[in-house]
């Protein structure tokens, strides 16, 4: 991974969950526009699964923090 890509990920991690969602939606939309580099259905399902699990874990952590 390039330094620029690493920096983008660091900025992404600093965004609010809503901003992260909006950015991911836009990136997925744009990825469909790349000629010759379309993601397969399997890759998209994998990305969606990873995103769901990350959001689920974040929601669980937030609930645990609020319960304290």
N, C-alpha and C. Protein backbone atom coordinates (compact mmCIF):
# COMPACT_ATOMS: atom_id res chain seq x y z
N UNK A 1 0.84 -1.17 0.00
CA UNK A 1 0.00 0.00 0.00
C UNK A 1 0.89 1.24 0.00
N UNK A 2 0.50 2.22 -0.77
CA UNK A 2 1.30 3.44 -0.85
C UNK A 2 1.11 4.30 0.39
N UNK A 3 2.01 5.24 0.57
CA UNK A 3 1.92 6.18 1.69
C UNK A 3 0.63 7.01 1.57
N UNK A 4 0.29 7.40 0.36
CA UNK A 4 -0.93 8.18 0.15
C UNK A 4 -2.16 7.38 0.57
N UNK A 5 -2.22 6.11 0.18
CA UNK A 5 -3.34 5.27 0.57
C UNK A 5 -3.41 5.11 2.09
N UNK A 6 -2.27 4.95 2.72
CA UNK A 6 -2.23 4.84 4.19
C UNK A 6 -2.74 6.12 4.85
N UNK A 7 -2.37 7.26 4.30
CA UNK A 7 -2.84 8.53 4.83
C UNK A 7 -4.35 8.68 4.66
N UNK A 8 -4.86 8.25 3.51
CA UNK A 8 -6.30 8.29 3.29
C UNK A 8 -7.04 7.43 4.31
N UNK A 9 -6.51 6.26 4.59
CA UNK A 9 -7.13 5.40 5.59
C UNK A 9 -7.10 6.02 6.98
N UNK A 10 -6.01 6.69 7.31
CA UNK A 10 -5.91 7.36 8.61
C UNK A 10 -6.96 8.46 8.72
N UNK A 11 -7.15 9.22 7.64
CA UNK A 11 -8.17 10.26 7.65
C UNK A 11 -9.55 9.63 7.75
N UNK A 12 -9.78 8.55 7.00
CA UNK A 12 -11.06 7.84 7.06
C UNK A 12 -11.37 7.43 8.50
N UNK A 13 -10.38 6.88 9.20
CA UNK A 13 -10.58 6.44 10.58
C UNK A 13 -10.95 7.59 11.51
N UNK A 14 -10.56 8.80 11.15
CA UNK A 14 -10.84 9.95 12.01
C UNK A 14 -12.23 10.55 11.76
N UNK A 15 -12.91 10.08 10.71
CA UNK A 15 -14.24 10.61 10.38
C UNK A 15 -15.30 10.04 11.32
N UNK A 16 -16.41 10.75 11.42
CA UNK A 16 -17.54 10.24 12.18
C UNK A 16 -18.12 9.03 11.45
N UNK A 17 -18.86 8.19 12.15
CA UNK A 17 -19.47 7.04 11.47
C UNK A 17 -20.35 7.45 10.28
N UNK A 18 -21.07 8.53 10.40
CA UNK A 18 -21.92 9.00 9.30
C UNK A 18 -21.07 9.39 8.09
N UNK A 19 -19.98 10.10 8.34
CA UNK A 19 -19.09 10.50 7.24
C UNK A 19 -18.41 9.29 6.61
N UNK A 20 -18.04 8.31 7.44
CA UNK A 20 -17.44 7.09 6.91
C UNK A 20 -18.43 6.38 5.99
N UNK A 21 -19.68 6.29 6.43
CA UNK A 21 -20.72 5.64 5.62
C UNK A 21 -20.89 6.36 4.29
N UNK A 22 -20.98 7.69 4.33
CA UNK A 22 -21.16 8.47 3.10
C UNK A 22 -19.97 8.28 2.16
N UNK A 23 -18.77 8.29 2.71
CA UNK A 23 -17.58 8.12 1.88
C UNK A 23 -17.53 6.72 1.27
N UNK A 24 -17.83 5.69 2.07
CA UNK A 24 -17.82 4.33 1.54
C UNK A 24 -18.85 4.16 0.43
N UNK A 25 -20.01 4.75 0.61
CA UNK A 25 -21.05 4.67 -0.41
C UNK A 25 -20.56 5.29 -1.71
N UNK A 26 -19.94 6.44 -1.61
CA UNK A 26 -19.44 7.12 -2.81
C UNK A 26 -18.29 6.35 -3.45
N UNK A 27 -17.39 5.79 -2.64
CA UNK A 27 -16.29 5.01 -3.19
C UNK A 27 -16.79 3.76 -3.90
N UNK A 28 -17.77 3.10 -3.33
CA UNK A 28 -18.34 1.92 -3.98
C UNK A 28 -19.02 2.30 -5.28
N UNK A 29 -19.72 3.43 -5.28
CA UNK A 29 -20.38 3.89 -6.50
C UNK A 29 -19.35 4.15 -7.58
N UNK A 30 -18.28 4.85 -7.20
CA UNK A 30 -17.24 5.18 -8.18
C UNK A 30 -16.48 3.95 -8.65
N UNK A 31 -16.33 2.96 -7.78
CA UNK A 31 -15.59 1.76 -8.19
C UNK A 31 -16.29 1.06 -9.34
N UNK A 32 -17.60 1.19 -9.43
CA UNK A 32 -18.34 0.62 -10.53
C UNK A 32 -18.09 1.32 -11.84
N UNK A 33 -17.53 2.52 -11.79
CA UNK A 33 -17.26 3.31 -12.98
C UNK A 33 -15.86 3.08 -13.54
N UNK A 34 -15.02 2.36 -12.81
CA UNK A 34 -13.65 2.11 -13.27
C UNK A 34 -13.67 1.08 -14.38
N UNK A 35 -13.15 1.46 -15.52
CA UNK A 35 -13.15 0.52 -16.65
C UNK A 35 -12.12 -0.57 -16.43
N UNK A 36 -12.54 -1.80 -16.66
CA UNK A 36 -11.62 -2.92 -16.56
C UNK A 36 -11.27 -3.35 -15.15
N UNK A 37 -11.79 -2.67 -14.15
CA UNK A 37 -11.44 -3.00 -12.77
C UNK A 37 -12.69 -3.14 -11.91
N UNK A 38 -13.74 -3.64 -12.47
CA UNK A 38 -14.98 -3.80 -11.71
C UNK A 38 -14.82 -4.87 -10.64
N UNK A 39 -15.43 -4.61 -9.49
CA UNK A 39 -15.42 -5.59 -8.42
C UNK A 39 -16.42 -6.69 -8.75
N UNK A 40 -16.07 -7.90 -8.40
CA UNK A 40 -16.98 -9.02 -8.62
C UNK A 40 -18.06 -8.98 -7.53
N UNK A 41 -19.13 -9.70 -7.78
CA UNK A 41 -20.19 -9.81 -6.76
C UNK A 41 -19.62 -10.37 -5.46
N UNK A 42 -18.74 -11.33 -5.58
CA UNK A 42 -18.13 -11.93 -4.40
C UNK A 42 -17.31 -10.90 -3.61
N UNK A 43 -16.56 -10.08 -4.31
CA UNK A 43 -15.78 -9.04 -3.64
C UNK A 43 -16.70 -8.03 -2.96
N UNK A 44 -17.77 -7.63 -3.64
CA UNK A 44 -18.71 -6.67 -3.05
C UNK A 44 -19.38 -7.25 -1.80
N UNK A 45 -19.76 -8.52 -1.86
CA UNK A 45 -20.37 -9.17 -0.69
C UNK A 45 -19.36 -9.21 0.46
N UNK A 46 -18.11 -9.51 0.15
CA UNK A 46 -17.08 -9.52 1.18
C UNK A 46 -16.90 -8.15 1.83
N UNK A 47 -16.88 -7.12 1.02
CA UNK A 47 -16.75 -5.75 1.54
C UNK A 47 -17.95 -5.41 2.41
N UNK A 48 -19.15 -5.75 1.92
CA UNK A 48 -20.37 -5.47 2.69
C UNK A 48 -20.35 -6.21 4.02
N UNK A 49 -19.91 -7.45 4.01
CA UNK A 49 -19.85 -8.24 5.24
C UNK A 49 -18.87 -7.63 6.23
N UNK A 50 -17.69 -7.27 5.75
CA UNK A 50 -16.70 -6.64 6.63
C UNK A 50 -17.22 -5.33 7.21
N UNK A 51 -17.88 -4.54 6.38
CA UNK A 51 -18.43 -3.27 6.84
C UNK A 51 -19.51 -3.50 7.90
N UNK A 52 -20.41 -4.45 7.64
CA UNK A 52 -21.46 -4.75 8.60
C UNK A 52 -20.87 -5.20 9.92
N UNK A 53 -19.89 -6.10 9.88
CA UNK A 53 -19.29 -6.60 11.12
C UNK A 53 -18.60 -5.48 11.89
N UNK A 54 -17.93 -4.58 11.17
CA UNK A 54 -17.26 -3.46 11.83
C UNK A 54 -18.28 -2.53 12.48
N UNK A 55 -19.36 -2.24 11.77
CA UNK A 55 -20.41 -1.37 12.33
C UNK A 55 -21.10 -2.05 13.50
N UNK A 56 -21.33 -3.35 13.41
CA UNK A 56 -21.95 -4.09 14.49
C UNK A 56 -21.07 -4.06 15.74
N UNK A 57 -19.76 -4.25 15.55
CA UNK A 57 -18.83 -4.22 16.67
C UNK A 57 -18.79 -2.83 17.30
N UNK A 58 -18.83 -1.80 16.46
CA UNK A 58 -18.84 -0.43 16.96
C UNK A 58 -20.11 -0.16 17.77
N UNK A 59 -21.23 -0.63 17.27
CA UNK A 59 -22.50 -0.46 17.97
C UNK A 59 -22.47 -1.18 19.32
N UNK A 60 -21.91 -2.39 19.34
CA UNK A 60 -21.78 -3.15 20.57
C UNK A 60 -20.90 -2.41 21.57
N UNK A 61 -19.77 -1.88 21.10
CA UNK A 61 -18.86 -1.12 21.97
C UNK A 61 -19.55 0.12 22.53
N UNK A 62 -20.32 0.82 21.70
CA UNK A 62 -21.04 2.00 22.16
C UNK A 62 -22.06 1.63 23.22
N UNK A 63 -22.78 0.53 23.02
CA UNK A 63 -23.77 0.09 23.99
C UNK A 63 -23.11 -0.30 25.31
N UNK A 64 -21.97 -0.97 25.23
CA UNK A 64 -21.25 -1.38 26.44
C UNK A 64 -20.75 -0.15 27.19
N UNK A 65 -20.28 0.85 26.47
CA UNK A 65 -19.79 2.09 27.11
C UNK A 65 -20.93 2.83 27.80
N UNK A 66 -22.09 2.89 27.15
CA UNK A 66 -23.24 3.58 27.73
C UNK A 66 -23.80 2.84 28.94
N UNK A 67 -23.63 1.54 29.00
CA UNK A 67 -24.14 0.74 30.11
C UNK A 67 -23.32 0.95 31.38
N UNK A 68 -22.13 1.48 31.24
CA UNK A 68 -21.24 1.67 32.41
C UNK A 68 -21.65 2.84 33.23
